[in-house]
Amino acid sequence: MKNLKIIISVLLISLSNSAVSEEKMNACFITINSSEEKHQFKKSLSTGANAGKFEFHELAPDSDQHGWFENACSKKIRCDIL
């Protein structure tokens, strides 16, 4: 968990130093086993200086759906963070 906090901190610092844009960035997730990391990233990317700057996309289905990868690709979402 400590490593996850470090990774999130580095990510947030790098994002705050990037060029300012009015367009929201896309944070994409592929949740296979646990959604804990997804919730941590969503929490971190939704607060402070990053509030309102991200749209969140879950690319994997809730169920064991065949062809989910192709379906995710067909949405043509450009993921800034995966």
C-alpha atoms as a PDB file:
ATOM      1  CA  MET A   1       0.000   0.000   0.000  1.00  0.00           C
ATOM      2  CA  LYS A   2       2.930   2.316   0.711  1.00  0.00           C
ATOM      3  CA  ASN A   3       4.246   1.754  -2.822  1.00  0.00           C
ATOM      4  CA  LEU A   4       0.817   2.592  -4.242  1.00  0.00           C
ATOM      5  CA  LYS A   5       0.816   5.920  -2.361  1.00  0.00           C
ATOM      6  CA  ILE A   6       4.261   6.717  -3.740  1.00  0.00           C
ATOM      7  CA  ILE A   7       3.162   5.881  -7.285  1.00  0.00           C
ATOM      8  CA  ILE A   8       0.044   8.027  -6.940  1.00  0.00           C
ATOM      9  CA  SER A   9       2.081  10.921  -5.528  1.00  0.00           C
ATOM     10  CA  VAL A  10       4.556  10.787  -8.413  1.00  0.00           C
ATOM     11  CA  LEU A  11       1.702  10.569 -10.904  1.00  0.00           C
ATOM     12  CA  LEU A  12      -0.066  13.591  -9.414  1.00  0.00           C
ATOM     13  CA  ILE A  13       3.118  15.647  -9.361  1.00  0.00           C
ATOM     14  CA  SER A  14       3.845  14.845 -13.001  1.00  0.00           C
ATOM     15  CA  LEU A  15       0.280  15.689 -13.982  1.00  0.00           C
ATOM     16  CA  SER A  16       0.359  19.004 -12.135  1.00  0.00           C
ATOM     17  CA  ASN A  17       3.564  19.908 -14.004  1.00  0.00           C
ATOM     18  CA  SER A  18       2.137  19.053 -17.432  1.00  0.00           C
ATOM     19  CA  ALA A  19       0.708  21.614 -19.814  1.00  0.00           C
ATOM     20  CA  VAL A  20      -2.628  23.052 -18.762  1.00  0.00           C
ATOM     21  CA  SER A  21      -5.489  22.013 -21.012  1.00  0.00           C
ATOM     22  CA  GLU A  22      -9.211  22.671 -20.893  1.00  0.00           C
ATOM     23  CA  GLU A  23      -9.904  19.202 -22.276  1.00  0.00           C
ATOM     24  CA  LYS A  24     -10.437  16.491 -19.690  1.00  0.00           C
ATOM     25  CA  MET A  25      -7.939  13.656 -19.598  1.00  0.00           C
ATOM     26  CA  ASN A  26      -9.072  10.031 -19.723  1.00  0.00           C
ATOM     27  CA  ALA A  27      -8.130   7.646 -16.929  1.00  0.00           C
ATOM     28  CA  CYS A  28      -8.857   4.091 -18.055  1.00  0.00           C
ATOM     29  CA  PHE A  29      -9.067   0.985 -15.920  1.00  0.00           C
ATOM     30  CA  ILE A  30      -9.036  -2.736 -16.613  1.00  0.00           C
ATOM     31  CA  THR A  31     -10.314  -4.230 -13.378  1.00  0.00           C
ATOM     32  CA  ILE A  32      -9.753  -7.981 -13.314  1.00  0.00           C
ATOM     33  CA  ASN A  33      -9.555  -9.062  -9.669  1.00  0.00           C
ATOM     34  CA  SER A  34      -9.795  -6.225  -7.172  1.00  0.00           C
ATOM     35  CA  SER A  35     -11.089  -2.698  -7.704  1.00  0.00           C
ATOM     36  CA  GLU A  36      -9.061  -1.297  -4.773  1.00  0.00           C
ATOM     37  CA  GLU A  37      -6.422   0.351  -6.971  1.00  0.00           C
ATOM     38  CA  LYS A  38      -9.098   1.824  -9.228  1.00  0.00           C
ATOM     39  CA  HIS A  39     -10.851   3.402  -6.246  1.00  0.00           C
ATOM     40  CA  GLN A  40      -7.548   4.826  -4.947  1.00  0.00           C
ATOM     41  CA  PHE A  41      -6.704   6.375  -8.314  1.00  0.00           C
ATOM     42  CA  LYS A  42     -10.224   7.768  -8.761  1.00  0.00           C
ATOM     43  CA  LYS A  43     -10.077   9.286  -5.285  1.00  0.00           C
ATOM     44  CA  SER A  44      -6.666  10.853  -5.903  1.00  0.00           C
ATOM     45  CA  LEU A  45      -7.504  12.101  -9.391  1.00  0.00           C
ATOM     46  CA  SER A  46     -10.801  13.652  -8.285  1.00  0.00           C
ATOM     47  CA  THR A  47      -9.511  15.913  -5.522  1.00  0.00           C
ATOM     48  CA  GLY A  48      -7.274  18.941  -5.101  1.00  0.00           C
ATOM     49  CA  ALA A  49      -5.683  20.454  -8.179  1.00  0.00           C
ATOM     50  CA  ASN A  50      -6.932  17.550 -10.337  1.00  0.00           C
ATOM     51  CA  ALA A  51     -10.617  17.921  -9.423  1.00  0.00           C
ATOM     52  CA  GLY A  52     -12.741  17.879 -12.577  1.00  0.00           C
ATOM     53  CA  LYS A  53      -9.822  17.222 -14.919  1.00  0.00           C
ATOM     54  CA  PHE A  54     -10.451  13.523 -15.517  1.00  0.00           C
ATOM     55  CA  GLU A  55     -13.079  11.278 -17.008  1.00  0.00           C
ATOM     56  CA  PHE A  56     -12.957   7.666 -15.822  1.00  0.00           C
ATOM     57  CA  HIS A  57     -13.524   4.658 -18.062  1.00  0.00           C
ATOM     58  CA  GLU A  58     -13.739   1.000 -17.067  1.00  0.00           C
ATOM     59  CA  LEU A  59     -12.669  -1.046 -20.072  1.00  0.00           C
ATOM     60  CA  ALA A  60     -13.303  -4.550 -18.702  1.00  0.00           C
ATOM     61  CA  PRO A  61     -16.888  -5.743 -18.212  1.00  0.00           C
ATOM     62  CA  ASP A  62     -18.345  -6.741 -14.836  1.00  0.00           C
ATOM     63  CA  SER A  63     -19.062 -10.225 -16.125  1.00  0.00           C
ATOM     64  CA  ASP A  64     -16.961 -12.776 -18.009  1.00  0.00           C
ATOM     65  CA  GLN A  65     -17.878 -11.392 -21.413  1.00  0.00           C
ATOM     66  CA  HIS A  66     -16.036 -12.745 -24.446  1.00  0.00           C
ATOM     67  CA  GLY A  67     -14.620 -10.127 -26.752  1.00  0.00           C
ATOM     68  CA  TRP A  68     -14.406  -7.414 -24.092  1.00  0.00           C
ATOM     69  CA  PHE A  69     -10.975  -6.288 -25.312  1.00  0.00           C
ATOM     70  CA  GLU A  70     -12.187  -5.725 -28.866  1.00  0.00           C
ATOM     71  CA  ASN A  71     -15.268  -3.978 -27.477  1.00  0.00           C
ATOM     72  CA  ALA A  72     -13.083  -1.648 -25.404  1.00  0.00           C
ATOM     73  CA  CYS A  73     -10.930  -0.847 -28.440  1.00  0.00           C
ATOM     74  CA  SER A  74     -13.977  -0.119 -30.603  1.00  0.00           C
ATOM     75  CA  LYS A  75     -14.981   2.715 -28.243  1.00  0.00           C
ATOM     76  CA  LYS A  76     -11.966   4.682 -29.552  1.00  0.00           C
ATOM     77  CA  ILE A  77     -11.177   6.142 -26.134  1.00  0.00           C
ATOM     78  CA  ARG A  78      -7.716   7.693 -25.952  1.00  0.00           C
ATOM     79  CA  CYS A  79      -6.412   6.729 -22.519  1.00  0.00           C
ATOM     80  CA  ASP A  80      -4.035   9.272 -20.974  1.00  0.00           C
ATOM     81  CA  ILE A  81      -3.584   6.978 -17.966  1.00  0.00           C
ATOM     82  CA  LEU A  82      -4.092   3.213 -17.984  1.00  0.00           C
END
